Amino acid sequence: MPVQEQTSDKIFKLNEDLSKFIYEDEQVKKELNEYAKTFRNGLSRDSLAYFMFDKTLENGQKVIDVYLKKNKDLSAEDKKVLKEFKNSINSVFEIKKVLKDGFEMYNLVNEKDYTVKSLIKMVNYRGVVQGNYFTCRLIPFEKEYHLLVLNSILRTTDKQQAYKIAVSMQVENPESLYKDNTKKLKQLEKMVKDLNTKFNEFFQKDEIITINQNIDELLGAFNDFAEEGTKTENLEEIIQLPEKYSYFKIQSDVDPFDMTARRADTEKYDVGIVFDPELGIQVMPFYGTFRKIFEVEDYKSIAGYKDCISDYFKNGKVSPFIIKKVYEEYGEKFLKIVLDVLELKNEKITMEELLHKYKEDFFSSKKFSSTTVLYASEAFTSLMASSLEMTKTSYSIGRNEPCPCGSGKKFKKCCAG
């Protein structure tokens, strides 16, 4: 059997074995069932693949780690393949060319070309043509890429849907824009430096606190300045402080730090716009409340202080810079309160150790914010262009109002052209 077929068969079999394992292992199956409950219509193929390859279990490991631990008799080659499963790439791809053993594809999310080998016979893809789109997962192995999981096929006429999926992936997981693309990473790093200078020039400081209803207008004003140098005369009027600082969760099933999901919030609360010199613009709900906890004499007087501190440390969207910035202002008082709330007051732990305990992901790789990533996203730019006519005919929007696409820009500077 040719080497290529042996490799494909090995990857295919291990993928099948892993698929069975998540239903057979008692602990993994229990967590899978809990995960499934979060989906109203049950697990999709994509959601199931996320659980298998990406989700961190309660023990801090991935499913693949558990599988490797419980199958120690696997060959060295099998272990090598499984470890590459952890580096799989989940994305939306445009088919550029159909090959005799796979495809040439363009990744809409990380903006990179791939030559991909199929694990099954190409006859199974009859009907797939240039210009179609795959939502799928690739696995890198020995300098080649293999099509591991195919979630769906979109027609050429579904271009806008494909780009919407790509942008939603970038917003949900900003790292996906530059994963496996060092050129894009360098572009982002340069862009962040430029934006940092413009942010400080526009706001005359590195952080702003306002209310949630003003965020779109405020970010839109900054976008105008960043792109065209246009200054906003009524900037101070837009930066409106909340009447009260308190922390609360409006929707239990929504990530409190997912500003895209919280666009429909009707209750007022404070939001901080902070510029992280390394990771870019951070839009932080209840940032003013978080700061106020350490500012007042009795921190317990701030409603929701426990959840606020806990969420700021445990949520993966809050960068170490945000935490450290507040710590540097309030010092030991900050550390004492945090250790008390996190029930670590009996431990001798420094601020740096605390950050590594809760924010280790940020130290192992760069995690730009979704707001920052969209500035460099070709998929987002293309989506705005392709949705231009639909937006004009479907909405009655003032040219100075925030664009409904979610960019934070004014309609006239975005989908209105």
Protein backbone atom coordinates (compact mmCIF):
# COMPACT_ATOMS: atom_id res chain seq x y z
CA MET A 1 0.00 0.00 0.00
CA PRO A 2 1.40 3.47 -0.93
CA VAL A 3 2.64 5.62 1.98
CA GLN A 4 -0.05 8.23 1.30
CA GLU A 5 -2.83 5.63 1.63
CA GLN A 6 -1.27 4.25 4.82
CA THR A 7 -1.19 7.73 6.36
CA SER A 8 -4.77 8.50 5.31
CA ASP A 9 -6.03 5.17 6.66
CA LYS A 10 -4.21 5.74 9.96
CA ILE A 11 -5.67 9.24 10.42
CA PHE A 12 -9.15 8.02 9.41
CA LYS A 13 -9.06 5.09 11.88
CA LEU A 14 -7.77 7.18 14.79
CA ASN A 15 -10.49 9.75 14.15
CA GLU A 16 -13.11 6.98 14.27
CA ASP A 17 -11.61 5.53 17.47
CA LEU A 18 -11.64 8.94 19.12
CA SER A 19 -15.27 9.44 18.04
CA LYS A 20 -16.23 6.19 19.79
CA PHE A 21 -14.15 7.01 22.88
CA ILE A 22 -16.15 10.12 23.78
CA TYR A 23 -19.27 7.95 24.11
CA GLU A 24 -17.57 5.02 25.85
CA ASP A 25 -15.37 6.68 28.48
CA GLU A 26 -17.49 7.32 31.57
CA GLN A 27 -16.10 10.73 32.57
CA VAL A 28 -15.76 12.08 29.02
CA LYS A 29 -19.29 10.90 28.18
CA LYS A 30 -20.64 12.67 31.28
CA GLU A 31 -19.04 15.96 30.21
CA LEU A 32 -20.23 15.45 26.63
CA ASN A 33 -23.82 15.09 27.87
CA GLU A 34 -23.50 18.28 29.93
CA TYR A 35 -22.04 20.08 26.92
CA ALA A 36 -24.90 18.84 24.72
CA LYS A 37 -27.45 20.39 27.10
CA THR A 38 -26.20 23.85 26.13
CA PHE A 39 -27.57 23.33 22.60
CA ARG A 40 -31.33 23.66 22.17
CA ASN A 41 -31.41 21.52 19.00
CA GLY A 42 -28.73 19.02 19.96
CA LEU A 43 -25.09 18.74 18.92
CA SER A 44 -24.18 19.60 15.34
CA ARG A 45 -21.25 17.92 13.59
CA ASP A 46 -19.20 21.08 14.13
CA SER A 47 -20.05 21.28 17.87
CA LEU A 48 -19.15 17.62 18.33
CA ALA A 49 -15.80 18.17 16.59
CA TYR A 50 -15.14 21.16 18.86
CA PHE A 51 -15.71 18.95 21.91
CA MET A 52 -13.38 16.25 20.56
CA PHE A 53 -10.51 18.47 19.51
CA ASP A 54 -10.69 21.87 21.22
CA LYS A 55 -12.72 21.90 24.43
CA THR A 56 -10.86 21.82 27.73
CA LEU A 57 -12.39 19.31 30.15
CA GLU A 58 -12.93 19.82 33.88
CA ASN A 59 -9.56 18.19 34.63
CA GLY A 60 -7.81 20.82 32.49
CA GLN A 61 -7.06 18.36 29.68
CA LYS A 62 -8.36 17.86 26.15
CA VAL A 63 -10.18 14.68 25.07
CA ILE A 64 -7.07 13.66 23.11
CA ASP A 65 -4.94 13.90 26.28
CA VAL A 66 -7.36 11.60 28.13
CA TYR A 67 -7.42 9.16 25.20
CA LEU A 68 -3.62 9.01 25.05
CA LYS A 69 -3.40 8.45 28.80
CA LYS A 70 -5.87 5.55 28.69
CA ASN A 71 -4.38 3.94 25.57
CA LYS A 72 -0.70 3.62 26.45
CA ASP A 73 -0.22 0.64 24.12
CA LEU A 74 -0.63 2.83 21.03
CA SER A 75 2.28 2.80 18.58
CA ALA A 76 4.68 5.74 18.48
CA GLU A 77 3.28 6.64 15.05
CA ASP A 78 -0.31 6.67 16.35
CA LYS A 79 0.67 8.90 19.26
CA LYS A 80 2.39 11.26 16.86
CA VAL A 81 -0.75 11.53 14.72
CA LEU A 82 -3.01 12.09 17.73
CA LYS A 83 -0.81 14.88 19.02
CA GLU A 84 -1.23 16.59 15.66
CA PHE A 85 -5.01 16.37 16.14
CA LYS A 86 -4.50 19.04 18.80
CA ASN A 87 -3.13 21.34 16.09
CA SER A 88 -6.12 20.87 13.78
CA ILE A 89 -7.48 23.90 11.91
CA ASN A 90 -11.24 24.49 11.94
CA SER A 91 -12.30 27.03 9.33
CA VAL A 92 -14.18 27.98 6.16
CA PHE A 93 -12.36 27.27 2.91
CA GLU A 94 -13.03 28.28 -0.68
CA ILE A 95 -12.33 25.50 -3.19
CA LYS A 96 -9.78 26.84 -5.68
CA LYS A 97 -9.13 23.58 -7.52
CA VAL A 98 -10.28 19.95 -7.30
CA LEU A 99 -7.28 17.58 -7.44
CA LYS A 100 -7.18 13.83 -8.06
CA ASP A 101 -6.46 13.20 -4.35
CA GLY A 102 -7.76 16.34 -2.64
CA PHE A 103 -8.19 20.08 -3.06
CA GLU A 104 -6.43 23.40 -3.34
CA MET A 105 -8.28 25.64 -0.88
CA TYR A 106 -8.16 29.19 0.47
CA ASN A 107 -8.79 29.66 4.20
CA LEU A 108 -11.18 32.60 4.59
CA VAL A 109 -10.35 32.92 8.30
CA ASN A 110 -6.53 32.99 8.36
CA GLU A 111 -6.16 34.13 4.72
CA LYS A 112 -3.80 31.35 3.66
CA ASP A 113 -3.73 28.83 0.78
CA TYR A 114 -3.67 25.08 1.49
CA THR A 115 -3.18 21.92 -0.55
CA VAL A 116 -5.29 19.30 1.24
CA LYS A 117 -5.35 15.51 0.94
CA SER A 118 -8.66 13.65 1.22
CA LEU A 119 -8.95 10.73 3.67
CA ILE A 120 -11.66 9.12 1.53
CA LYS A 121 -12.04 8.41 -2.20
CA MET A 122 -12.60 11.53 -4.29
CA VAL A 123 -15.70 9.98 -5.87
CA ASN A 124 -17.44 10.94 -2.62
CA TYR A 125 -16.97 14.59 -3.59
CA ARG A 126 -18.57 14.39 -7.02
CA GLY A 127 -20.51 17.57 -7.54
CA VAL A 128 -17.95 19.69 -5.65
CA VAL A 129 -16.57 22.36 -7.98
CA GLN A 130 -14.28 25.37 -7.92
CA GLY A 131 -15.95 28.20 -6.01
CA ASN A 132 -17.76 25.97 -3.51
CA TYR A 133 -17.01 26.39 0.21
CA PHE A 134 -16.17 23.79 2.86
CA THR A 135 -16.66 24.34 6.57
CA CYS A 136 -14.20 21.73 7.74
CA ARG A 137 -11.28 20.77 9.95
CA LEU A 138 -7.76 20.01 8.69
CA ILE A 139 -4.96 18.13 10.42
CA PRO A 140 -1.29 18.84 9.66
CA PHE A 141 0.93 15.76 9.50
CA GLU A 142 4.46 15.47 8.13
CA LYS A 143 4.30 18.72 6.15
CA GLU A 144 0.94 17.85 4.56
CA TYR A 145 -2.65 18.75 5.42
CA HIS A 146 -5.48 16.21 5.53
CA LEU A 147 -9.24 16.80 5.50
CA LEU A 148 -10.23 15.40 8.90
CA VAL A 149 -13.86 16.51 9.37
CA LEU A 150 -16.21 17.97 6.76
CA ASN A 151 -19.09 19.82 8.43
CA SER A 152 -20.89 21.30 5.44
CA ILE A 153 -20.59 22.28 1.77
CA LEU A 154 -21.78 25.69 0.58
CA ARG A 155 -22.52 26.59 -3.03
CA THR A 156 -20.79 29.36 -4.94
CA THR A 157 -23.94 31.46 -4.51
CA ASP A 158 -23.60 31.11 -0.72
CA LYS A 159 -20.53 33.37 -0.65
CA GLN A 160 -22.04 35.84 1.82
CA GLN A 161 -22.98 33.04 4.21
CA ALA A 162 -19.45 31.62 3.98
CA TYR A 163 -17.93 35.00 4.84
CA LYS A 164 -20.38 35.50 7.71
CA ILE A 165 -19.27 32.18 9.18
CA ALA A 166 -15.61 33.17 8.74
CA VAL A 167 -16.09 36.51 10.52
CA SER A 168 -18.06 34.86 13.34
CA MET A 169 -15.13 32.45 13.81
CA GLN A 170 -12.72 35.39 14.03
CA VAL A 171 -14.92 37.15 16.59
CA GLU A 172 -15.43 33.99 18.66
CA ASN A 173 -11.75 32.98 18.45
CA PRO A 174 -9.52 35.91 17.37
CA GLU A 175 -6.46 33.62 17.26
CA SER A 176 -7.98 31.87 14.25
CA LEU A 177 -7.07 34.88 12.05
CA TYR A 178 -3.34 34.33 12.55
CA LYS A 179 -3.15 30.66 13.53
CA ASP A 180 -0.74 28.92 11.14
CA ASN A 181 -0.04 32.28 9.44
CA THR A 182 3.02 34.10 10.81
CA LYS A 183 2.75 36.76 8.10
CA LYS A 184 -0.69 37.76 9.38
CA LEU A 185 0.58 37.77 12.96
CA LYS A 186 3.34 40.25 12.07
CA GLN A 187 0.80 42.42 10.25
CA LEU A 188 -1.38 42.49 13.38
CA GLU A 189 1.56 43.35 15.64
CA LYS A 190 2.45 46.32 13.44
CA MET A 191 -1.18 47.42 13.23
CA VAL A 192 -1.54 47.36 17.04
CA LYS A 193 1.44 49.72 17.40
CA ASP A 194 -0.13 52.15 14.94
CA LEU A 195 -3.54 51.95 16.64
CA ASN A 196 -1.95 52.49 20.06
CA THR A 197 -0.53 55.84 18.94
CA LYS A 198 -3.86 56.87 17.41
CA PHE A 199 -5.84 55.75 20.47
CA ASN A 200 -3.74 57.86 22.85
CA GLU A 201 -3.91 60.82 20.47
CA PHE A 202 -7.70 60.58 20.10
CA PHE A 203 -8.68 59.93 23.73
CA GLN A 204 -5.62 61.56 25.37
CA LYS A 205 -5.44 58.52 27.69
CA ASP A 206 -5.16 54.73 27.45
CA GLU A 207 -8.58 53.90 28.91
CA ILE A 208 -12.14 55.21 28.77
CA ILE A 209 -15.15 54.32 30.93
CA THR A 210 -18.66 54.96 29.64
CA ILE A 211 -22.07 53.23 29.49
CA ASN A 212 -22.86 50.29 27.22
CA GLN A 213 -25.34 52.23 25.03
CA ASN A 214 -22.55 54.59 23.94
CA ILE A 215 -19.97 51.97 22.94
CA ASP A 216 -20.89 51.73 19.24
CA GLU A 217 -20.86 55.50 18.80
CA LEU A 218 -17.59 55.87 20.69
CA LEU A 219 -15.82 53.12 18.73
CA GLY A 220 -17.27 54.57 15.53
CA ALA A 221 -15.81 57.97 16.36
CA PHE A 222 -12.40 56.39 16.98
CA ASN A 223 -12.65 54.43 13.71
CA ASP A 224 -13.26 57.69 11.83
CA PHE A 225 -10.15 59.17 13.42
CA ALA A 226 -8.00 56.05 12.89
CA GLU A 227 -8.92 55.78 9.20
CA GLU A 228 -9.35 59.40 8.12
CA GLY A 229 -8.06 61.58 10.94
CA THR A 230 -11.58 62.94 11.56
CA LYS A 231 -11.97 64.32 15.09
CA THR A 232 -15.25 64.26 17.03
CA GLU A 233 -16.27 67.59 18.55
CA ASN A 234 -18.75 66.17 21.08
CA LEU A 235 -16.46 63.41 22.37
CA GLU A 236 -16.95 64.32 26.05
CA GLU A 237 -20.73 64.05 25.63
CA ILE A 238 -20.39 60.49 24.31
CA ILE A 239 -18.17 59.48 27.24
CA GLN A 240 -21.05 59.27 29.71
CA LEU A 241 -20.38 57.75 33.13
CA PRO A 242 -22.90 55.39 34.78
CA GLU A 243 -25.05 56.60 37.67
CA LYS A 244 -24.11 53.54 39.73
CA TYR A 245 -21.34 50.95 39.69
CA SER A 246 -22.49 47.36 40.20
CA TYR A 247 -21.98 43.95 38.61
CA PHE A 248 -24.82 41.75 37.40
CA LYS A 249 -25.47 39.06 34.81
CA ILE A 250 -28.32 39.89 32.46
CA GLN A 251 -28.50 36.58 30.57
CA SER A 252 -27.22 33.45 32.30
CA ASP A 253 -26.42 31.70 29.00
CA VAL A 254 -24.32 34.54 27.58
CA ASP A 255 -20.60 35.08 28.23
CA PRO A 256 -20.52 38.32 30.29
CA PHE A 257 -17.49 39.48 28.29
CA ASP A 258 -18.95 38.75 24.85
CA MET A 259 -19.94 42.26 23.74
CA THR A 260 -21.25 40.94 20.40
CA ALA A 261 -23.77 38.72 22.19
CA ARG A 262 -24.66 41.53 24.59
CA ARG A 263 -25.56 44.09 21.92
CA ALA A 264 -29.26 43.73 22.74
CA ASP A 265 -28.81 44.50 26.46
CA THR A 266 -31.33 47.12 27.54
CA GLU A 267 -30.08 47.72 31.09
CA LYS A 268 -27.35 50.30 31.55
CA TYR A 269 -23.95 49.33 32.89
CA ASP A 270 -20.40 50.62 32.67
CA VAL A 271 -18.00 49.49 29.96
CA GLY A 272 -14.29 50.20 29.67
CA ILE A 273 -12.38 50.68 26.44
CA VAL A 274 -8.76 49.94 27.29
CA PHE A 275 -5.78 49.77 24.95
CA ASP A 276 -3.45 46.87 25.63
CA PRO A 277 -0.10 47.80 23.96
CA GLU A 278 0.43 44.18 22.88
CA LEU A 279 -3.09 42.92 22.15
CA GLY A 280 -4.95 46.03 21.04
CA ILE A 281 -8.38 47.45 21.92
CA GLN A 282 -10.12 45.68 24.80
CA VAL A 283 -13.84 46.35 25.34
CA MET A 284 -14.49 45.32 28.95
CA PRO A 285 -18.01 45.22 30.47
CA PHE A 286 -18.08 46.42 34.10
CA TYR A 287 -14.47 47.63 33.96
CA GLY A 288 -15.43 50.72 35.97
CA THR A 289 -17.10 48.50 38.57
CA PHE A 290 -14.02 46.28 38.73
CA ARG A 291 -11.85 49.32 39.43
CA LYS A 292 -14.34 50.78 41.93
CA ILE A 293 -14.13 47.63 44.10
CA PHE A 294 -10.54 48.51 44.99
CA GLU A 295 -11.12 52.24 45.16
CA VAL A 296 -13.86 52.39 47.83
CA GLU A 297 -13.21 51.95 51.53
CA ASP A 298 -15.55 48.94 51.87
CA TYR A 299 -15.28 46.77 48.76
CA LYS A 300 -18.25 44.68 49.90
CA SER A 301 -20.47 47.70 49.36
CA ILE A 302 -20.19 47.19 45.59
CA ALA A 303 -23.06 44.94 44.47
CA GLY A 304 -21.83 41.77 42.77
CA TYR A 305 -18.18 42.29 43.78
CA LYS A 306 -17.51 38.55 44.16
CA ASP A 307 -18.77 37.61 40.71
CA CYS A 308 -17.04 40.62 39.18
CA ILE A 309 -13.60 39.69 40.54
CA SER A 310 -14.11 35.99 39.83
CA ASP A 311 -15.20 36.59 36.23
CA TYR A 312 -12.36 39.03 35.53
CA PHE A 313 -9.83 36.40 36.58
CA LYS A 314 -11.50 33.29 35.19
CA ASN A 315 -12.83 34.57 31.87
CA GLY A 316 -10.59 33.87 28.89
CA LYS A 317 -11.38 37.19 27.19
CA VAL A 318 -9.78 39.32 29.93
CA SER A 319 -6.06 39.82 29.29
CA PRO A 320 -3.41 39.92 32.06
CA PHE A 321 -2.74 43.56 31.10
CA ILE A 322 -6.23 44.57 32.30
CA ILE A 323 -5.70 42.89 35.67
CA LYS A 324 -2.15 44.17 36.09
CA LYS A 325 -3.15 47.72 35.20
CA VAL A 326 -5.60 47.91 38.10
CA TYR A 327 -3.19 46.08 40.43
CA GLU A 328 -0.42 48.61 39.76
CA GLU A 329 -2.75 51.39 40.86
CA TYR A 330 -4.02 49.77 44.07
CA GLY A 331 -1.11 47.46 44.99
CA GLU A 332 -1.36 45.26 48.05
CA LYS A 333 -4.96 46.30 48.71
CA PHE A 334 -5.87 44.82 45.33
CA LEU A 335 -4.03 41.57 46.01
CA LYS A 336 -5.53 41.18 49.50
CA ILE A 337 -9.11 41.60 48.25
CA VAL A 338 -8.61 39.30 45.26
CA LEU A 339 -7.06 36.51 47.32
CA ASP A 340 -9.92 36.78 49.79
CA VAL A 341 -12.61 36.58 47.09
CA LEU A 342 -10.88 33.74 45.21
CA GLU A 343 -10.44 31.92 48.55
CA LEU A 344 -6.65 31.93 48.28
CA LYS A 345 -5.89 34.13 51.28
CA ASN A 346 -4.06 31.33 53.09
CA GLU A 347 -1.67 30.88 50.17
CA LYS A 348 1.53 32.86 49.72
CA ILE A 349 1.14 33.94 46.13
CA THR A 350 2.48 36.90 44.16
CA MET A 351 0.60 38.88 41.53
CA GLU A 352 2.68 37.31 38.77
CA GLU A 353 1.91 33.80 40.04
CA LEU A 354 -1.77 34.69 40.23
CA LEU A 355 -1.77 35.82 36.60
CA HIS A 356 -0.10 32.59 35.49
CA LYS A 357 -2.62 30.59 37.51
CA TYR A 358 -5.63 32.12 35.76
CA LYS A 359 -4.25 33.57 32.51
CA GLU A 360 -1.68 31.01 31.38
CA ASP A 361 -3.12 30.91 27.84
CA PHE A 362 -2.06 34.53 27.32
CA PHE A 363 1.55 33.70 28.21
CA SER A 364 1.79 30.76 25.80
CA SER A 365 0.42 32.60 22.73
CA LYS A 366 -0.81 36.03 21.65
CA LYS A 367 -4.55 36.52 22.04
CA PHE A 368 -5.61 39.70 20.28
CA SER A 369 -9.12 40.96 21.03
CA SER A 370 -11.92 40.43 18.50
CA THR A 371 -12.27 44.21 18.14
CA THR A 372 -8.62 44.46 17.10
CA VAL A 373 -8.72 41.45 14.78
CA LEU A 374 -11.58 42.88 12.69
CA TYR A 375 -9.37 45.83 11.74
CA ALA A 376 -7.12 43.38 9.86
CA SER A 377 -9.74 40.92 8.61
CA GLU A 378 -10.10 40.63 4.83
CA ALA A 379 -13.20 38.47 5.37
CA PHE A 380 -14.85 41.27 7.34
CA THR A 381 -13.98 43.83 4.65
CA SER A 382 -15.31 41.53 1.93
CA LEU A 383 -18.49 40.83 3.89
CA MET A 384 -19.20 44.55 4.23
CA ALA A 385 -18.75 45.02 0.49
CA SER A 386 -20.92 42.04 -0.51
CA SER A 387 -23.73 43.02 1.87
CA LEU A 388 -23.84 46.64 0.67
CA GLU A 389 -26.93 46.40 -1.53
CA MET A 390 -28.84 44.19 0.89
CA THR A 391 -28.14 46.55 3.76
CA LYS A 392 -29.29 49.56 1.79
CA THR A 393 -32.59 47.98 0.79
CA SER A 394 -33.33 46.09 4.02
CA TYR A 395 -32.84 48.89 6.54
CA SER A 396 -33.79 52.49 6.94
CA ILE A 397 -30.68 53.75 8.68
CA GLY A 398 -29.32 57.24 9.13
CA ARG A 399 -25.85 57.70 7.66
CA ASN A 400 -24.46 58.79 11.04
CA GLU A 401 -26.02 55.88 12.96
CA PRO A 402 -23.97 52.78 13.94
CA CYS A 403 -23.81 50.23 11.12
CA PRO A 404 -25.95 47.12 11.82
CA CYS A 405 -23.12 44.83 10.67
CA GLY A 406 -21.50 45.20 14.11
CA SER A 407 -18.27 46.89 13.07
CA GLY A 408 -18.71 49.83 15.44
CA LYS A 409 -18.38 52.24 12.50
CA LYS A 410 -20.96 54.75 11.34
CA PHE A 411 -23.22 53.45 8.54
CA LYS A 412 -21.83 56.01 6.06
CA LYS A 413 -18.26 54.80 6.74
CA CYS A 414 -19.16 51.12 6.55
CA CYS A 415 -21.82 49.24 4.56
CA ALA A 416 -23.21 52.44 3.03
CA GLY A 417 -19.90 52.79 1.19
